[in-house]
Amino acid sequence: MQKIGVLGGTFDPIHYGHLFIAENAMQVFALDKVMFIPTGIPPHKVMINVTDKQHRFNMVSLAVKSNTCFEVSNIEVAKDTISYTIDTMTELKKLYPNDLFYYIVGADSLYDMASWKNFRKLAKLFEIISINRMTGKFLDVAEISKSITEKYGFVIHTLEVPILEISSTEIRRRVQEGLPIKYMLPDNVERYIRKHKLYK
């Protein structure tokens, strides 16, 4: 039986902040691996101009290449329909019936998780690792975690990590403005962005 961390996102593009969180979650909670799942058609960003899913998948593949405990799944990018967590995790449970899943989310996501499709059923599919970026809102996070646990039966773990001031939005902006993005993301991802003229 393996303990598998799941980190989903648009990853537009993936950067060191994502990788740092995954590594910390893996070490602190003794996970066997972390599976990165780029969204195909994200439910909350349908109207936003998101980079082609194949480019995003390719960038994640490059970013995790050097870590044998990281892998990328095309479970969502292979679909032409909107990606819902309940569908993805149900499918993963079928593929890995004997393994335990830990869904990694930012603490801010806890506040709207109850609005996710079939949220109550998700408690049977995974435990949550909530990333608290040491913003001073720990008490609020503890309160919402307790509420979700009591109402929906989730097991929630909190992982405190330092804030890395890197965002995909900032990387896209810097590329558009011709500013450097080196040291914000892996070199092979930067080369991919330059080669395919992304975010111009």
Protein backbone atom coordinates (compact mmCIF):
# COMPACT_ATOMS: atom_id res chain seq x y z
CA MET A 1 0.00 0.00 0.00
CA GLN A 2 1.36 3.38 -1.03
CA LYS A 3 0.65 6.85 0.30
CA ILE A 4 0.14 9.08 -2.73
CA GLY A 5 -0.04 12.85 -2.65
CA VAL A 6 -2.16 14.50 -5.34
CA LEU A 7 -1.43 18.05 -6.44
CA GLY A 8 -3.79 19.41 -9.07
CA GLY A 9 -3.83 22.77 -10.78
CA THR A 10 -3.74 24.60 -14.06
CA PHE A 11 0.07 24.90 -13.76
CA ASP A 12 0.15 27.78 -16.23
CA PRO A 13 3.10 27.52 -15.86
CA ILE A 14 4.33 25.22 -13.08
CA HIS A 15 7.01 26.88 -10.91
CA TYR A 16 9.23 26.30 -7.89
CA GLY A 17 6.42 27.18 -5.49
CA HIS A 18 4.46 24.12 -6.64
CA LEU A 19 7.51 21.86 -6.44
CA PHE A 20 8.48 23.19 -3.00
CA ILE A 21 5.03 22.43 -1.61
CA ALA A 22 5.03 18.92 -3.09
CA GLU A 23 8.46 18.11 -1.67
CA ASN A 24 7.52 19.36 1.80
CA ALA A 25 4.25 17.42 1.82
CA MET A 26 6.07 14.28 0.74
CA GLN A 27 8.74 14.54 3.42
CA VAL A 28 6.55 15.62 6.35
CA PHE A 29 3.78 13.07 5.75
CA ALA A 30 6.05 10.26 4.51
CA LEU A 31 4.33 10.02 1.13
CA ASP A 32 5.70 7.52 -1.34
CA LYS A 33 5.15 9.87 -4.24
CA VAL A 34 3.34 13.00 -5.37
CA MET A 35 1.21 12.89 -8.49
CA PHE A 36 0.83 16.18 -10.35
CA ILE A 37 -2.45 16.43 -12.24
CA PRO A 38 -2.72 19.35 -14.68
CA THR A 39 -6.35 20.26 -15.26
CA GLY A 40 -7.81 19.78 -18.71
CA ILE A 41 -10.79 22.13 -18.66
CA PRO A 42 -10.88 23.60 -15.14
CA PRO A 43 -14.44 24.11 -13.77
CA HIS A 44 -13.66 27.47 -12.17
CA LYS A 45 -11.70 28.95 -15.07
CA VAL A 46 -13.78 28.05 -18.11
CA MET A 47 -14.05 31.67 -19.27
CA ILE A 48 -10.40 32.52 -18.64
CA ASN A 49 -7.80 32.21 -21.38
CA VAL A 50 -5.84 29.20 -20.13
CA THR A 51 -2.85 27.92 -22.10
CA ASP A 52 -3.41 24.79 -24.20
CA LYS A 53 -3.58 21.75 -21.92
CA GLN A 54 -0.91 19.83 -23.82
CA HIS A 55 1.61 22.65 -23.28
CA ARG A 56 0.78 22.73 -19.57
CA PHE A 57 1.11 18.94 -19.32
CA ASN A 58 4.47 19.05 -21.12
CA MET A 59 5.79 21.74 -18.79
CA VAL A 60 4.82 19.73 -15.69
CA SER A 61 6.46 16.64 -17.18
CA LEU A 62 9.70 18.59 -17.61
CA ALA A 63 9.50 20.10 -14.13
CA VAL A 64 9.14 16.77 -12.30
CA LYS A 65 11.65 14.89 -14.45
CA SER A 66 14.54 15.16 -11.98
CA ASN A 67 12.60 13.85 -8.97
CA THR A 68 11.96 10.10 -8.97
CA CYS A 69 9.19 10.54 -6.36
CA PHE A 70 7.24 12.96 -8.56
CA GLU A 71 5.11 11.95 -11.51
CA VAL A 72 2.56 13.58 -13.80
CA SER A 73 -0.82 12.15 -14.78
CA ASN A 74 -2.76 12.94 -17.96
CA ILE A 75 -6.01 11.74 -16.37
CA GLU A 76 -7.61 15.18 -16.85
CA VAL A 77 -5.88 16.54 -19.95
CA ALA A 78 -6.90 13.40 -21.84
CA LYS A 79 -10.56 14.34 -21.43
CA ASP A 80 -12.55 16.84 -23.47
CA THR A 81 -14.97 17.57 -20.64
CA ILE A 82 -14.70 19.77 -17.55
CA SER A 83 -12.46 18.28 -14.87
CA TYR A 84 -14.15 17.75 -11.50
CA THR A 85 -12.21 16.47 -8.50
CA ILE A 86 -14.85 13.84 -7.71
CA ASP A 87 -14.48 12.27 -11.16
CA THR A 88 -10.68 12.36 -11.13
CA MET A 89 -10.34 10.88 -7.66
CA THR A 90 -12.97 8.19 -8.31
CA GLU A 91 -10.98 7.15 -11.37
CA LEU A 92 -7.70 7.15 -9.45
CA LYS A 93 -9.21 4.97 -6.74
CA LYS A 94 -10.14 2.43 -9.39
CA LEU A 95 -6.59 2.48 -10.75
CA TYR A 96 -4.99 2.28 -7.29
CA PRO A 97 -7.59 0.52 -5.10
CA ASN A 98 -5.20 -0.36 -2.28
CA ASP A 99 -3.45 2.99 -1.95
CA LEU A 100 -4.16 5.98 0.29
CA PHE A 101 -4.56 9.41 -1.31
CA TYR A 102 -3.71 12.77 0.20
CA TYR A 103 -5.13 15.74 -1.68
CA ILE A 104 -2.84 18.77 -1.38
CA VAL A 105 -4.55 22.16 -1.38
CA GLY A 106 -3.78 25.70 -0.33
CA ALA A 107 -5.41 26.65 2.97
CA ASP A 108 -7.41 29.32 1.13
CA SER A 109 -9.11 26.57 -0.90
CA LEU A 110 -10.66 25.17 2.28
CA TYR A 111 -13.04 28.12 2.36
CA ASP A 112 -14.80 27.14 -0.87
CA MET A 113 -14.26 23.37 -0.98
CA ALA A 114 -17.80 22.72 0.26
CA SER A 115 -19.04 24.10 -3.10
CA TRP A 116 -17.15 21.43 -5.04
CA LYS A 117 -19.20 18.87 -6.93
CA ASN A 118 -20.32 15.97 -4.66
CA PHE A 119 -18.06 17.33 -1.93
CA ARG A 120 -19.43 15.07 0.80
CA LYS A 121 -18.46 11.94 -1.17
CA LEU A 122 -14.85 13.11 -1.47
CA ALA A 123 -14.19 12.31 2.21
CA LYS A 124 -14.22 8.62 1.32
CA LEU A 125 -11.63 9.08 -1.42
CA PHE A 126 -8.80 11.02 0.24
CA GLU A 127 -7.44 12.87 3.23
CA ILE A 128 -6.54 16.53 2.86
CA ILE A 129 -3.16 18.16 3.33
CA SER A 130 -3.83 21.85 3.80
CA ILE A 131 -0.90 24.13 3.03
CA ASN A 132 -0.69 27.00 5.50
CA ARG A 133 1.78 29.51 4.11
CA MET A 134 2.42 31.15 7.48
CA THR A 135 0.34 34.22 6.71
CA GLY A 136 -0.78 34.71 10.29
CA LYS A 137 -4.23 33.26 9.55
CA PHE A 138 -3.54 29.94 11.25
CA LEU A 139 -6.46 30.27 13.65
CA ASP A 140 -8.89 30.87 10.78
CA VAL A 141 -7.52 27.82 8.97
CA ALA A 142 -7.85 25.69 12.10
CA GLU A 143 -11.44 26.83 12.50
CA ILE A 144 -12.49 26.05 8.94
CA SER A 145 -10.62 22.71 9.08
CA LYS A 146 -12.53 21.76 12.22
CA SER A 147 -15.82 22.76 10.60
CA ILE A 148 -15.16 20.66 7.47
CA THR A 149 -14.09 17.70 9.58
CA GLU A 150 -17.22 17.85 11.74
CA LYS A 151 -19.69 18.50 8.91
CA TYR A 152 -18.30 16.24 6.20
CA GLY A 153 -16.06 13.70 7.94
CA PHE A 154 -12.78 14.71 6.31
CA VAL A 155 -9.38 14.02 7.80
CA ILE A 156 -7.38 17.25 7.42
CA HIS A 157 -3.65 17.63 8.05
CA THR A 158 -2.02 21.07 8.12
CA LEU A 159 1.42 21.66 6.66
CA GLU A 160 3.15 24.94 7.43
CA VAL A 161 5.62 26.13 4.81
CA PRO A 162 7.42 29.43 4.21
CA ILE A 163 5.94 31.72 1.58
CA LEU A 164 7.68 31.63 -1.79
CA GLU A 165 6.63 34.79 -3.58
CA ILE A 166 6.25 33.14 -6.97
CA SER A 167 3.02 32.94 -8.95
CA SER A 168 2.08 31.73 -12.41
CA THR A 169 0.35 35.07 -13.01
CA GLU A 170 3.58 36.95 -12.28
CA ILE A 171 5.61 34.65 -14.54
CA ARG A 172 3.18 35.21 -17.43
CA ARG A 173 3.31 38.97 -16.87
CA ARG A 174 7.10 39.01 -16.83
CA VAL A 175 7.30 37.03 -20.07
CA GLN A 176 4.89 39.46 -21.71
CA GLU A 177 7.02 42.39 -20.58
CA GLY A 178 10.34 40.81 -21.51
CA LEU A 179 11.53 40.50 -17.89
CA PRO A 180 13.62 37.58 -16.59
CA ILE A 181 11.93 34.53 -15.09
CA LYS A 182 15.09 32.55 -14.36
CA TYR A 183 15.11 31.04 -10.83
CA MET A 184 11.31 31.22 -10.66
CA LEU A 185 10.87 27.86 -12.37
CA PRO A 186 13.07 25.02 -13.67
CA ASP A 187 15.40 25.87 -16.55
CA ASN A 188 13.89 23.23 -18.84
CA VAL A 189 10.42 24.76 -18.32
CA GLU A 190 11.77 28.22 -19.13
CA ARG A 191 13.34 26.87 -22.30
CA TYR A 192 10.02 25.28 -23.27
CA ILE A 193 8.21 28.60 -22.76
CA ARG A 194 10.77 30.41 -24.93
CA LYS A 195 10.76 27.73 -27.63
CA HIS A 196 6.98 27.70 -27.99
CA LYS A 197 6.62 31.47 -27.50
CA LEU A 198 4.10 31.03 -24.69
CA TYR A 199 2.63 34.02 -22.84
CA LYS A 200 3.66 36.49 -25.50
